[in-house]
């Protein structure tokens, strides 16, 4: 490949590649974070995500460019068609084809309920990607101009959307409230006569075993644990006792 052709590819590929990278590592994570800012699930700041996302973005950007620069002409055209098709599909998947699987709280998901969704989602993706490839093969000169406008338009729309989401979702939790949560051994074994809440956390105990026991020996379980409540929707925030237990009890990580 000549130097002039290499420079031409770099220029023509910039916005389509940037559109995909920005959607995947910029808009996607930021939109999820700012839409849920202030919730107890996100105890960290966006700054904690920013540096890893920058490295992932740069790495992916460089990798895509390497692939685009080494491909033969026809392969380059097809790969560009796939890039813009995937970018558009990811955008519409997030806004118009959401996959709502309910609350992701660790409970097993009944994937069988989503079979039809898998089928039509897969068909939509295959059709759009095939159409994009056919259009690029049929008229590359027009196609390469159109995908520039598409990529730039999506970047602008996503940027405006992020600005709106960021301004409309203010931080709701205050540092003073979260700062009051702590663990202590004070009065650890002092109980009142009638007002006690004792929490047993069985470290490394698979809750599915408890469900199995309840299915097989429900009467015995009820009798033995008559005054107990099983919190089936609890999940740890990390692997490792010294991090998971404080998070379950306080909602804050052990830092």
Protein backbone atom coordinates (compact mmCIF):
# COMPACT_ATOMS: atom_id res chain seq x y z
CA UNK A 1 0.00 0.00 0.00
CA UNK A 2 1.33 3.43 -0.94
CA UNK A 3 1.76 6.19 1.62
CA UNK A 4 -0.94 8.30 -0.04
CA UNK A 5 -3.49 5.44 0.08
CA UNK A 6 -2.59 4.74 3.71
CA UNK A 7 -3.25 8.38 4.64
CA UNK A 8 -6.52 8.29 2.71
CA UNK A 9 -7.68 5.22 4.65
CA UNK A 10 -6.74 6.84 7.94
CA UNK A 11 -8.83 9.92 7.11
CA UNK A 12 -11.83 8.00 5.78
CA UNK A 13 -11.86 5.57 8.69
CA UNK A 14 -11.58 8.13 11.49
CA UNK A 15 -15.21 9.03 12.16
CA UNK A 16 -16.71 5.53 11.61
CA UNK A 17 -14.11 4.01 13.97
CA UNK A 18 -14.52 6.87 16.46
CA UNK A 19 -18.31 6.43 16.33
CA UNK A 20 -18.07 2.77 17.30
CA UNK A 21 -15.47 3.34 20.03
CA UNK A 22 -17.32 6.33 21.50
CA UNK A 23 -20.61 4.42 21.57
CA UNK A 24 -19.11 1.32 23.18
CA UNK A 25 -16.65 2.82 25.67
CA UNK A 26 -17.88 6.39 26.00
CA UNK A 27 -21.61 6.84 25.63
CA UNK A 28 -22.69 3.38 26.85
CA UNK A 29 -20.94 3.28 30.25
CA UNK A 30 -21.47 7.01 30.89
CA UNK A 31 -25.19 6.86 30.09
CA UNK A 32 -25.70 3.89 32.43
CA UNK A 33 -23.73 5.57 35.21
CA UNK A 34 -25.34 9.01 35.01
CA UNK A 35 -28.83 7.54 34.62
CA UNK A 36 -28.35 5.71 37.94
CA UNK A 37 -26.20 8.30 39.70
CA UNK A 38 -27.02 8.49 43.39
CA UNK A 39 -28.29 4.91 43.63
CA UNK A 40 -26.86 2.56 46.23
CA UNK A 41 -25.61 0.23 43.50
CA UNK A 42 -23.04 2.78 42.32
CA UNK A 43 -20.95 3.60 45.37
CA UNK A 44 -18.01 4.73 43.18
CA UNK A 45 -17.49 7.86 41.11
CA UNK A 46 -17.28 8.01 37.34
CA UNK A 47 -13.64 9.05 37.74
CA UNK A 48 -12.92 5.46 38.83
CA UNK A 49 -14.11 4.26 35.42
CA UNK A 50 -12.62 7.02 33.30
CA UNK A 51 -8.98 5.89 33.11
CA UNK A 52 -9.71 2.21 32.31
CA UNK A 53 -12.22 3.28 29.65
CA UNK A 54 -9.63 5.62 28.09
CA UNK A 55 -7.09 2.79 27.85
CA UNK A 56 -9.71 0.42 26.40
CA UNK A 57 -10.77 3.06 23.88
CA UNK A 58 -7.23 3.79 22.73
CA UNK A 59 -6.37 0.10 22.52
CA UNK A 60 -9.50 -0.70 20.51
CA UNK A 61 -8.96 2.34 18.28
CA UNK A 62 -5.41 1.27 17.45
CA UNK A 63 -6.42 -2.36 16.89
CA UNK A 64 -9.22 -1.42 14.47
CA UNK A 65 -6.91 0.90 12.56
CA UNK A 66 -4.25 -1.81 12.24
CA UNK A 67 -6.85 -4.19 10.79
CA UNK A 68 -8.16 -1.54 8.40
CA UNK A 69 -4.68 -0.64 7.17
CA UNK A 70 -3.58 -4.20 6.41
CA UNK A 71 -6.74 -5.39 4.67
CA UNK A 72 -6.93 -5.50 0.87
CA UNK A 73 -9.23 -2.98 -0.80
CA UNK A 74 -12.35 -5.16 -0.93
CA UNK A 75 -11.78 -6.41 2.62
CA UNK A 76 -11.36 -2.82 3.80
CA UNK A 77 -14.67 -1.81 2.23
CA UNK A 78 -16.52 -4.75 3.80
CA UNK A 79 -14.96 -4.19 7.22
CA UNK A 80 -15.96 -0.51 7.13
CA UNK A 81 -19.50 -1.59 6.23
CA UNK A 82 -19.56 -3.94 9.21
CA UNK A 83 -18.23 -1.22 11.54
CA UNK A 84 -20.92 1.32 10.62
CA UNK A 85 -23.65 -1.35 10.67
CA UNK A 86 -22.65 -2.55 14.15
CA UNK A 87 -22.48 1.06 15.39
CA UNK A 88 -26.00 1.80 14.15
CA UNK A 89 -27.31 -1.51 15.51
CA UNK A 90 -25.79 -0.93 18.96
CA UNK A 91 -27.35 2.53 19.02
CA UNK A 92 -30.82 1.28 18.09
CA UNK A 93 -30.47 -1.78 20.32
CA UNK A 94 -30.00 0.47 23.33
CA UNK A 95 -32.80 2.91 22.50
CA UNK A 96 -35.42 0.92 20.63
CA UNK A 97 -34.69 -2.79 21.22
CA UNK A 98 -33.97 -2.95 24.96
CA UNK A 99 -33.44 -6.37 26.48
CA UNK A 100 -35.08 -6.03 29.87
CA UNK A 101 -34.21 -9.14 31.86
CA UNK A 102 -35.61 -7.78 35.12
CA UNK A 103 -33.55 -7.02 38.19
CA UNK A 104 -30.04 -8.49 37.91
CA UNK A 105 -29.81 -9.47 41.57
CA UNK A 106 -28.12 -12.83 41.24
CA UNK A 107 -31.28 -14.87 40.77
CA UNK A 108 -31.34 -17.31 37.87
CA UNK A 109 -32.87 -15.85 34.72
CA UNK A 110 -35.40 -17.88 32.76
CA UNK A 111 -33.72 -17.58 29.38
CA UNK A 112 -36.44 -19.64 27.77
CA UNK A 113 -38.79 -16.65 27.95
CA UNK A 114 -36.59 -14.69 25.57
CA UNK A 115 -36.29 -17.17 22.69
CA UNK A 116 -38.46 -15.11 20.34
CA UNK A 117 -36.49 -12.00 21.23
CA UNK A 118 -33.22 -13.76 20.36
CA UNK A 119 -34.62 -14.79 16.99
CA UNK A 120 -35.88 -11.39 15.82
CA UNK A 121 -32.87 -9.57 17.31
CA UNK A 122 -30.48 -11.88 15.44
CA UNK A 123 -32.46 -11.49 12.21
CA UNK A 124 -32.41 -7.70 12.48
CA UNK A 125 -28.64 -7.69 13.04
CA UNK A 126 -27.93 -10.08 10.17
CA UNK A 127 -30.19 -8.19 7.75
CA UNK A 128 -28.74 -4.76 8.54
CA UNK A 129 -25.13 -6.00 8.33
CA UNK A 130 -25.83 -7.75 5.00
CA UNK A 131 -27.54 -4.65 3.58
CA UNK A 132 -24.60 -2.50 4.65
CA UNK A 133 -22.11 -4.86 2.96
CA UNK A 134 -24.18 -5.00 -0.25
CA UNK A 135 -24.45 -1.20 -0.42
CA UNK A 136 -20.72 -0.74 0.04
CA UNK A 137 -19.95 -3.29 -2.70
CA UNK A 138 -22.48 -1.77 -5.08
CA UNK A 139 -21.42 1.87 -4.75
CA UNK A 140 -18.42 2.45 -2.51
CA UNK A 141 -17.84 6.09 -3.47
CA UNK A 142 -21.31 7.10 -2.27
CA UNK A 143 -21.33 4.68 0.66
CA UNK A 144 -18.08 6.02 2.18
CA UNK A 145 -19.51 9.56 2.18
CA UNK A 146 -22.82 8.48 3.73
CA UNK A 147 -21.18 6.58 6.59
CA UNK A 148 -19.19 9.68 7.51
CA UNK A 149 -22.43 11.63 8.01
CA UNK A 150 -24.00 8.72 9.91
CA UNK A 151 -21.02 8.38 12.28
CA UNK A 152 -20.80 12.14 12.93
CA UNK A 153 -24.57 12.39 13.48
CA UNK A 154 -24.54 9.54 16.01
CA UNK A 155 -21.62 11.07 17.91
CA UNK A 156 -23.48 14.41 18.12
CA UNK A 157 -26.75 12.77 19.21
CA UNK A 158 -24.98 10.69 21.87
CA UNK A 159 -23.05 13.72 23.16
CA UNK A 160 -26.24 15.78 23.50
CA UNK A 161 -28.00 12.85 25.16
CA UNK A 162 -25.14 12.45 27.66
CA UNK A 163 -25.26 16.16 28.46
CA UNK A 164 -29.00 15.97 29.08
CA UNK A 165 -28.74 12.82 31.23
CA UNK A 166 -25.85 14.27 33.23
CA UNK A 167 -27.70 17.51 33.97
CA UNK A 168 -31.06 15.91 34.71
CA UNK A 169 -29.73 13.24 37.10
CA UNK A 170 -28.10 14.99 40.01
CA UNK A 171 -26.21 13.27 42.81
CA UNK A 172 -28.80 12.37 45.47
CA UNK A 173 -26.84 10.69 48.21
CA UNK A 174 -24.80 12.87 50.53
CA UNK A 175 -21.40 12.11 51.90
CA UNK A 176 -22.54 12.89 55.42
CA UNK A 177 -25.21 10.18 55.34
CA UNK A 178 -22.96 7.54 53.81
CA UNK A 179 -20.22 8.48 56.25
CA UNK A 180 -22.41 7.47 59.20
CA UNK A 181 -22.41 3.82 58.12
CA UNK A 182 -19.75 1.74 59.85
CA UNK A 183 -19.13 -1.59 61.56
CA UNK A 184 -18.37 -1.86 65.24
CA UNK A 185 -18.02 -4.55 67.92
CA UNK A 186 -19.50 -2.29 70.58
CA UNK A 187 -22.32 -4.12 72.44
CA UNK A 188 -21.77 -7.03 70.07
CA UNK A 189 -23.20 -9.60 72.51
CA UNK A 190 -25.67 -7.33 74.32
CA UNK A 191 -29.27 -8.19 73.44
CA UNK A 192 -32.58 -6.72 74.49
CA UNK A 193 -35.52 -8.83 75.65
CA UNK A 194 -37.68 -8.29 72.58
CA UNK A 195 -36.03 -6.02 70.01
CA UNK A 196 -33.22 -7.81 68.22
CA UNK A 197 -32.23 -8.11 64.59
CA UNK A 198 -29.49 -10.68 64.13
CA UNK A 199 -28.09 -11.25 60.66
CA UNK A 200 -26.33 -14.51 59.82
CA UNK A 201 -24.14 -14.33 56.72
CA UNK A 202 -22.88 -17.75 55.68
CA UNK A 203 -19.62 -17.06 53.92
CA UNK A 204 -19.02 -19.21 50.80
CA UNK A 205 -22.45 -20.82 51.17
CA UNK A 206 -24.27 -21.21 47.88
CA UNK A 207 -27.85 -20.00 48.36
CA UNK A 208 -29.06 -22.55 45.79
CA UNK A 209 -28.29 -25.21 48.40
CA UNK A 210 -30.71 -23.49 50.78
CA UNK A 211 -33.42 -23.46 48.10
CA UNK A 212 -32.83 -27.15 47.49
CA UNK A 213 -33.15 -27.91 51.20
CA UNK A 214 -36.38 -25.90 51.35
CA UNK A 215 -37.78 -27.81 48.40
CA UNK A 216 -36.90 -31.17 49.90
CA UNK A 217 -37.49 -30.51 53.63
CA UNK A 218 -39.78 -27.49 53.81
CA UNK A 219 -41.57 -28.51 57.04
CA UNK A 220 -38.33 -29.19 58.90
CA UNK A 221 -36.80 -25.93 57.67
CA UNK A 222 -39.87 -23.94 58.75
CA UNK A 223 -39.79 -25.53 62.17
CA UNK A 224 -36.06 -25.06 62.72
CA UNK A 225 -36.01 -21.50 61.39
CA UNK A 226 -39.46 -20.32 62.44
CA UNK A 227 -38.34 -16.76 63.30
CA UNK A 228 -35.84 -16.36 60.50
CA UNK A 229 -36.09 -14.37 57.26
CA UNK A 230 -34.14 -15.52 54.19
CA UNK A 231 -33.00 -12.51 52.14
CA UNK A 232 -32.91 -14.15 48.74
CA UNK A 233 -32.17 -10.95 46.80
CA UNK A 234 -28.81 -10.16 48.39
CA UNK A 235 -25.57 -10.24 46.44
CA UNK A 236 -22.01 -9.48 47.42
CA UNK A 237 -20.10 -6.54 46.02
CA UNK A 238 -16.81 -8.37 45.64
CA UNK A 239 -15.06 -11.71 45.92
CA UNK A 240 -13.39 -12.13 49.29
CA UNK A 241 -14.85 -12.06 52.79
CA UNK A 242 -13.27 -8.83 54.00
CA UNK A 243 -14.78 -6.96 51.05
CA UNK A 244 -18.08 -8.78 50.51
CA UNK A 245 -19.34 -8.86 54.12
CA UNK A 246 -18.93 -5.11 54.84
CA UNK A 247 -20.65 -4.32 51.56
CA UNK A 248 -23.62 -6.57 52.32
CA UNK A 249 -24.00 -5.12 55.81
CA UNK A 250 -23.36 -1.43 55.08
CA UNK A 251 -23.56 -0.85 51.35
CA UNK A 252 -19.99 0.46 51.39
CA UNK A 253 -16.86 -1.31 50.27
CA UNK A 254 -13.99 -1.95 52.66
CA UNK A 255 -11.40 0.50 51.41
